Every structure is written in structure tokens, then in C-alpha cells.
Protein backbone atom coordinates (compact mmCIF):
# COMPACT_ATOMS: atom_id res chain seq x y z
CA MET A 1 -16.80 -76.96 41.37
CA SER A 2 -14.41 -75.22 43.62
CA ARG A 3 -13.58 -76.78 46.88
CA VAL A 4 -15.63 -75.50 49.79
CA GLU A 5 -14.30 -76.02 53.24
CA PRO A 6 -16.97 -76.32 55.98
CA ARG A 7 -16.82 -73.91 58.88
CA VAL A 8 -16.95 -76.09 61.96
CA ARG A 9 -18.44 -74.24 64.94
CA GLU A 10 -17.30 -76.92 67.25
CA GLN A 11 -16.04 -80.42 67.16
CA GLN A 12 -19.07 -82.40 66.08
CA VAL A 13 -18.46 -86.12 66.10
CA GLU A 14 -21.30 -88.45 65.44
CA THR A 15 -22.21 -92.08 65.74
CA GLY A 16 -21.55 -94.70 63.11
CA PHE A 17 -25.13 -94.28 61.95
CA CYS A 18 -24.61 -91.61 59.33
CA ARG A 19 -21.65 -89.87 57.85
CA ALA A 20 -17.97 -90.56 57.42
CA ARG A 21 -14.72 -88.90 58.47
CA ALA A 22 -15.06 -86.84 61.58
CA PRO A 23 -12.30 -85.90 64.04
CA PRO A 24 -11.68 -88.24 66.98
CA ALA A 25 -13.47 -87.41 70.20
CA PRO A 26 -13.96 -88.78 73.72
CA GLN A 27 -16.14 -91.83 73.94
CA HIS A 28 -19.75 -91.29 75.01
CA ARG A 29 -21.56 -93.80 77.11
CA GLY A 30 -24.06 -95.64 74.97
CA SER A 31 -22.58 -94.43 71.70
CA LEU A 32 -21.83 -96.74 68.82
CA ARG A 33 -18.31 -95.35 68.75
CA GLY A 34 -17.18 -97.13 71.92
CA HIS A 35 -16.04 -100.68 72.47
CA LEU A 36 -19.49 -102.12 72.86
CA PRO A 37 -20.89 -105.65 72.62
CA VAL A 38 -22.22 -105.03 69.12
CA PRO A 39 -22.26 -107.30 66.07
CA ASP A 40 -18.96 -108.35 64.55
CA PRO A 41 -17.62 -105.37 62.57
CA ALA A 42 -16.95 -107.56 59.56
CA ARG A 43 -20.68 -108.29 59.38
CA VAL A 44 -21.93 -104.78 59.94
CA THR A 45 -21.10 -103.71 56.41
CA SER A 46 -23.84 -101.24 55.61
CA LEU A 47 -26.41 -101.17 58.39
CA LEU A 48 -26.75 -97.44 58.63
CA GLY A 49 -25.26 -94.36 57.10
CA GLN A 50 -21.87 -93.49 58.53
CA LYS A 51 -21.48 -90.22 60.35
CA ARG A 52 -17.87 -91.27 60.58
CA ARG A 53 -15.83 -94.35 59.79
CA SER A 54 -15.77 -95.82 63.28
CA HIS A 55 -14.03 -99.11 63.89
CA LEU A 56 -17.47 -100.63 64.43
CA LEU A 57 -19.20 -99.65 61.21
CA LYS A 58 -16.35 -99.08 58.76
CA LEU A 59 -17.00 -100.62 55.41
CA PRO A 60 -14.12 -102.97 54.59
CA ASN A 61 -12.57 -102.66 51.11
CA ARG A 62 -15.49 -100.51 50.03
CA ARG A 63 -15.23 -99.09 46.52
CA ARG A 64 -15.56 -95.36 46.40
CA GLU A 65 -19.03 -94.37 45.18
CA ARG A 66 -19.40 -91.95 42.32
CA ALA A 67 -21.50 -88.92 43.11
CA PRO A 68 -24.85 -89.66 41.50
CA SER A 69 -25.51 -86.01 40.79
CA ALA A 70 -22.17 -85.27 39.13
CA LEU A 71 -23.12 -84.13 35.64
CA PRO A 72 -20.47 -82.97 33.17
CA VAL A 73 -21.99 -79.51 32.72
CA ASP A 74 -18.72 -77.61 33.18
CA GLY A 75 -16.91 -77.52 29.86
CA CYS A 76 -19.86 -79.07 28.05
CA PRO A 77 -20.97 -77.40 24.79
CA ALA A 78 -23.71 -74.87 25.42
CA ASP A 79 -26.26 -76.77 23.36
CA CYS A 80 -26.00 -79.88 25.56
CA VAL A 81 -26.51 -78.13 28.91
CA PRO A 82 -30.33 -77.90 28.62
CA LEU A 83 -30.46 -81.62 27.83
CA LEU A 84 -28.38 -82.44 30.89
CA GLN A 85 -30.45 -80.19 33.12
CA ALA A 86 -33.65 -81.73 31.81
CA ALA A 87 -32.30 -85.20 32.66
CA VAL A 88 -31.84 -84.34 36.35
CA LYS A 89 -34.56 -85.91 38.44
CA HIS A 90 -35.52 -83.92 41.52
CA LEU A 91 -35.48 -85.70 44.85
CA LEU A 92 -38.74 -84.16 46.06
CA PRO A 93 -42.18 -84.44 44.48
CA GLU A 94 -44.12 -81.38 43.39
CA ILE A 95 -44.86 -79.09 46.30
CA LYS A 96 -48.34 -79.48 47.77
CA PRO A 97 -50.72 -76.53 47.47
CA GLN A 98 -50.84 -76.04 51.24
CA ASP A 99 -47.05 -75.68 51.31
CA ALA A 100 -46.66 -73.51 48.21
CA SER A 101 -45.92 -70.35 50.18
CA LYS A 102 -43.67 -72.01 52.76
CA LEU A 103 -39.91 -72.33 52.94
CA CYS A 104 -38.45 -75.84 52.68
CA VAL A 105 -36.57 -76.99 55.79
CA VAL A 106 -34.34 -80.07 55.52
CA ILE A 107 -33.85 -81.71 58.92
CA ASP A 108 -31.22 -84.28 59.87
CA LEU A 109 -31.99 -87.25 62.14
CA ASP A 110 -29.06 -88.71 64.11
CA GLU A 111 -27.49 -86.46 66.75
CA THR A 112 -29.86 -83.69 65.61
CA LEU A 113 -33.23 -85.12 66.64
CA VAL A 114 -32.25 -88.46 68.22
CA HIS A 115 -29.28 -90.53 69.34
CA SER A 116 -29.16 -94.27 68.65
CA SER A 117 -27.02 -97.10 69.97
CA PHE A 118 -26.70 -100.86 69.88
CA LYS A 119 -26.03 -100.81 73.62
CA PRO A 120 -29.19 -101.30 75.69
CA VAL A 121 -30.29 -98.25 77.64
CA ASN A 122 -33.00 -98.22 80.30
CA ASN A 123 -34.58 -94.96 79.15
CA ALA A 124 -34.79 -95.65 75.41
CA ASP A 125 -37.78 -93.97 73.79
CA PHE A 126 -37.85 -96.48 70.93
CA ILE A 127 -36.33 -99.88 70.27
CA ILE A 128 -36.01 -100.56 66.55
CA PRO A 129 -35.35 -104.10 65.27
CA VAL A 130 -32.88 -103.98 62.39
CA GLU A 131 -31.74 -106.91 60.29
CA ILE A 132 -28.01 -107.23 59.62
CA ASP A 133 -26.90 -110.04 57.32
CA GLY A 134 -29.94 -112.13 58.21
CA ILE A 135 -29.67 -111.55 61.98
CA MET A 136 -32.04 -109.25 63.88
CA HIS A 137 -30.50 -106.68 66.24
CA GLN A 138 -32.04 -104.05 68.49
CA VAL A 139 -31.24 -100.36 68.09
CA TYR A 140 -32.01 -98.21 71.14
CA VAL A 141 -33.15 -94.69 70.32
CA LEU A 142 -33.22 -91.65 72.61
CA LYS A 143 -35.24 -88.57 71.65
CA ARG A 144 -33.57 -85.19 72.02
CA PRO A 145 -35.34 -83.03 74.61
CA HIS A 146 -38.13 -80.85 73.17
CA VAL A 147 -38.07 -82.70 69.83
CA ASP A 148 -41.85 -83.13 70.00
CA GLU A 149 -42.54 -79.39 70.34
CA PHE A 150 -39.94 -78.67 67.69
CA LEU A 151 -41.34 -81.00 65.05
CA GLN A 152 -44.95 -80.05 65.69
CA ARG A 153 -44.29 -76.33 65.25
CA MET A 154 -41.84 -76.76 62.35
CA GLY A 155 -44.46 -78.80 60.49
CA GLU A 156 -46.89 -75.91 60.83
CA LEU A 157 -44.41 -73.27 59.64
CA PHE A 158 -42.50 -75.03 56.86
CA GLU A 159 -42.43 -77.73 54.25
CA CYS A 160 -40.27 -80.10 56.32
CA VAL A 161 -38.15 -82.86 54.78
CA LEU A 162 -36.28 -85.52 56.73
CA PHE A 163 -32.90 -86.01 55.05
CA THR A 164 -30.56 -88.52 56.64
CA ALA A 165 -27.49 -90.42 55.48
CA SER A 166 -28.80 -93.46 57.36
CA LEU A 167 -30.39 -96.38 55.59
CA ALA A 168 -34.15 -96.48 55.35
CA LYS A 169 -34.34 -99.83 57.18
CA TYR A 170 -33.34 -97.96 60.35
CA ALA A 171 -34.40 -94.35 59.76
CA ASP A 172 -37.88 -94.98 58.35
CA PRO A 173 -39.26 -96.80 61.42
CA VAL A 174 -37.63 -94.19 63.68
CA ALA A 175 -39.39 -91.43 61.73
CA ASP A 176 -42.69 -93.32 61.96
CA LEU A 177 -42.47 -93.24 65.74
CA LEU A 178 -40.92 -89.78 66.04
CA ASP A 179 -43.16 -87.76 63.74
CA LYS A 180 -46.63 -88.04 65.24
CA TRP A 181 -47.87 -84.89 63.47
CA GLY A 182 -46.89 -85.66 59.90
CA ALA A 183 -44.39 -82.81 59.90
CA PHE A 184 -42.19 -84.52 57.31
CA ARG A 185 -43.69 -84.12 53.84
CA ALA A 186 -40.95 -86.37 52.47
CA ARG A 187 -38.12 -88.58 53.71
CA LEU A 188 -34.76 -88.92 52.00
CA PHE A 189 -32.16 -91.51 52.94
CA ARG A 190 -28.57 -92.44 52.15
CA GLU A 191 -29.20 -93.22 48.50
CA SER A 192 -30.25 -89.60 47.98
CA CYS A 193 -26.91 -88.30 49.26
CA VAL A 194 -23.82 -87.59 47.18
CA PHE A 195 -20.70 -89.48 48.29
CA HIS A 196 -18.03 -86.79 48.15
CA ARG A 197 -14.51 -87.10 49.57
CA GLY A 198 -15.52 -89.68 52.14
CA ASN A 199 -18.71 -87.95 53.28
CA TYR A 200 -22.38 -88.40 52.53
CA VAL A 201 -23.37 -84.91 51.42
CA LYS A 202 -26.92 -83.59 51.11
CA ASP A 203 -26.98 -81.73 47.81
CA LEU A 204 -29.78 -79.22 48.23
CA SER A 205 -29.68 -78.29 44.55
CA ARG A 206 -31.21 -81.70 43.73
CA LEU A 207 -34.35 -81.16 45.82
CA GLY A 208 -36.29 -79.28 43.15
CA ARG A 209 -36.83 -76.19 45.30
CA ASP A 210 -35.49 -72.64 45.03
CA LEU A 211 -32.19 -72.56 46.95
CA ARG A 212 -33.09 -69.12 48.28
CA ARG A 213 -35.99 -70.78 50.08
CA ILE A 214 -34.22 -73.85 51.52
CA ILE A 215 -32.78 -74.26 55.03
CA ILE A 216 -30.88 -77.28 56.32
CA VAL A 217 -30.78 -78.09 60.05
CA ASP A 218 -27.89 -80.44 60.73
CA ASN A 219 -25.20 -81.11 63.31
CA SER A 220 -22.56 -82.09 60.73
CA PRO A 221 -20.99 -79.36 58.54
CA ALA A 222 -19.79 -82.09 56.17
CA SER A 223 -23.40 -82.84 55.30
CA TYR A 224 -24.04 -79.36 53.91
CA ILE A 225 -20.57 -78.63 52.54
CA PHE A 226 -22.08 -77.82 49.13
CA HIS A 227 -24.47 -75.23 50.59
CA PRO A 228 -23.08 -73.83 53.88
CA ASP A 229 -24.99 -70.58 53.43
CA ASN A 230 -28.29 -72.46 53.75
CA ALA A 231 -27.41 -74.06 57.08
CA VAL A 232 -28.67 -73.59 60.60
CA PRO A 233 -26.05 -75.62 62.53
CA VAL A 234 -26.99 -77.42 65.72
CA ALA A 235 -24.78 -79.01 68.34
CA SER A 236 -24.48 -82.79 68.29
CA TRP A 237 -26.68 -84.42 70.93
CA PHE A 238 -26.02 -87.73 72.65
CA ASP A 239 -27.73 -88.03 76.03
CA ASN A 240 -27.87 -84.65 77.81
CA MET A 241 -31.47 -84.49 78.99
CA ALA A 242 -31.03 -80.85 80.03
CA ASP A 243 -30.41 -79.83 76.41
CA THR A 244 -32.68 -77.00 75.16
CA GLU A 245 -31.25 -76.33 71.68
CA LEU A 246 -34.33 -77.33 69.69
CA LEU A 247 -36.58 -75.26 71.93
CA ASP A 248 -34.23 -72.29 71.75
CA LEU A 249 -34.29 -72.37 67.94
CA LEU A 250 -38.05 -72.06 67.59
CA PRO A 251 -38.28 -68.23 67.97
CA PHE A 252 -35.64 -67.84 65.26
CA PHE A 253 -37.56 -70.16 62.93
CA GLU A 254 -40.77 -68.28 63.63
CA ARG A 255 -39.12 -65.14 62.25
CA LEU A 256 -37.42 -66.99 59.42
CA SER A 257 -40.70 -68.45 58.18
CA LYS A 258 -41.82 -64.98 57.07
CA VAL A 259 -38.91 -64.16 54.74
CA GLU A 260 -38.72 -64.66 50.98
CA ASP A 261 -34.95 -65.17 50.75
CA VAL A 262 -33.10 -67.00 53.54
CA TYR A 263 -29.55 -65.95 52.68
CA ALA A 264 -29.49 -62.49 54.24
CA VAL A 265 -31.11 -63.68 57.47
CA LEU A 266 -28.84 -66.69 57.84
CA LYS A 267 -25.75 -64.61 57.12
CA LYS A 268 -26.74 -62.17 59.85
CA GLN A 269 -27.39 -65.06 62.23
CA ARG A 270 -23.93 -66.51 61.57
CA THR A 271 -22.32 -63.11 62.10
CA ASN A 272 -24.06 -62.62 65.44
CA SER A 273 -23.44 -66.13 66.76
């Protein structure tokens, strides 16, 4: 596979909850990236997926993971390729009849729909207890403005899939509280990502859906580095309660829901933005 460099619209730095390796940025109040009274870094070894290797959630002496989807198809004799392809297990179950005509939209969690922190905040929408090395800690979760309207309408228009590089022990209870409409037909967590060059990448080719009918909504270009042409980038969100990005995207998704092939529409959108 040739190397694909992500096109970064803006500097998008995220909390220690998801992915790894992002450029340094100013500290945000309430973010896990600051010097906060959080658990000892040596103990927080794998609480949540790493959106970057912050000094709080960096995994010490962690062995590099091998990409679980890396199959030796290139250079393999032609007669073995069908066997290898048959051995690939799709991440998503068979599409439900009510979603058969819909596009599949993969939606990120942290800094796309919510922002989470160990630091207590007075206006937290959810407080999630998470166990770290036998000790319970509280994670304070803020909902991005208009996330309710966004998820409700997206669930009506698309086959929506939550795909996060966070661990299920944190992300699953957040999704339980966030998704009151059952918009997410499936939830995928860190173990479904491919660890590639220090990042947890969401390999859309493993979903079991036609790539021409898949969209990924994510604030981190590193997450969709394998399939940048399928992406609808969003700005990272931390605590700006005047943010309207999710609401502003809905008219575009209304139009997008009617197409058969997403590539031409997304290319035009990138050109105009």
C-alpha cells in the first residue's frame, strides 16, 4: 500500500481518549491534556483509546501492535488471493432490511460528538465511572451542541455506526446515554481499529459495505488516512457551547443521503470548502 498523507484542514488535537500522535497545541481547560489531578500516569496504561500520546495517557514501553487487517495479498500467488479474501471477517453484521437502501455513515465519538475529561466540571452532561487497575474513577462528559438533533436525524437518513478508538469500558456507556434514538446500528471500539504508524486507523474496507456508499465523520484525519475520499471532516470540539457545526452539516447530509456513490459529491464538497 502506498503511503497516503492526510490533508489536515486545521490543527486538530484531541484528548488522550482516542488516537495517538497529534501536533502540540494550547492547553484547554478541562482537557485530559493538561496538568490535571488525574490518576498516576504509570497506572493509566490503557484506559481509553489515545487520540494522541499525551504525558497523561502514554503507554509506557508499549510494544507496537501489528495491524490486524494486514493480509499478504500483494505479491501473493493469484490462486491464494480468494482464500485470503474469504478469511477476512467483516466488522459489521449483515445490513438490516430497513437500512438496505441507505448509505453507511461511520461517526466518531470524542471531540466529534462529545468531550470527556477526568477533571470535574459543573455542567457535565454525563459522569461515567471507569475502572483503572482496580480503582474506580469518574469521567466527566460534555455533549457537543446540537448533538441530539444531529443523531436523531442521521439515524433516520443513514445506517449509522459508532466507530471510536476508545475502549468499550468508557465509550459504550457514553453511547448508551448519548444515543436515545437507537441511531447507531453498531458500535466499534479500539480493537476494531488498525494500529498504523502510531495511530489507531479506522479501516473502512473491513466494514463489509461498498466503499462507494460509506462516509466517515471524524475530527482526526489520522483516523481515516486509508480512505480520505470518504471523509466529512469536522472541527475538534472541546467546550464551545456556541458551536453549530453538527447543525450546519445536516442540510448537506440530507442531500448526500439521496446519492448512490459518495465520491463525486464529497470531492465537490472538499473543492468548495
